[in-house]
Amino acid sequence: ALVARRAVPNDLVARLASEAALGTRDANAHARKAAFALLDALAARADPRELLQMLSAALVAQTAHMRAAGLCALSRVVYVCPGVRGDLLALLEAGVLLLGDPATEVQTAALQFLRVATAALCG
């Protein structure tokens, strides 16, 4: 079933997107599941390109945990929104750069993002 797209205020999307991104890296499986469900809902209701832009801000965060969370959230949005292919080239470049991050969790998240983004581009 198609979900009707309703305009969601950008300030609300920004606040929810950052919390959802952090939730994707939570130790609790229920919190992760809720975070992914929130990202799915945001992707269905908000402009996916704006959502990608908001989440990509996490890629320059000071903490490795937030950079990894941003990559994980970006992976989910790319997975559920096939219409964002045109915006992936710059994000792919950022993902490749983050492979050189000293934090293992960021490297792992970058690999996962690159795998999902490559599949989205090829599929």
Foldseek 3Di string as FASTA:
>chain_A
DQDDAAEDDPVVLLVLLQCLLLQCPDPDPVSNVVSLVSLLVCLRHYPLVSSLVSLVVQCPDPDLSSNLSSLQSNLSSVQNDLPCLVVCPVVLVSLVVQCPPPDPSSVVSSVSSNVSSVVSNVD
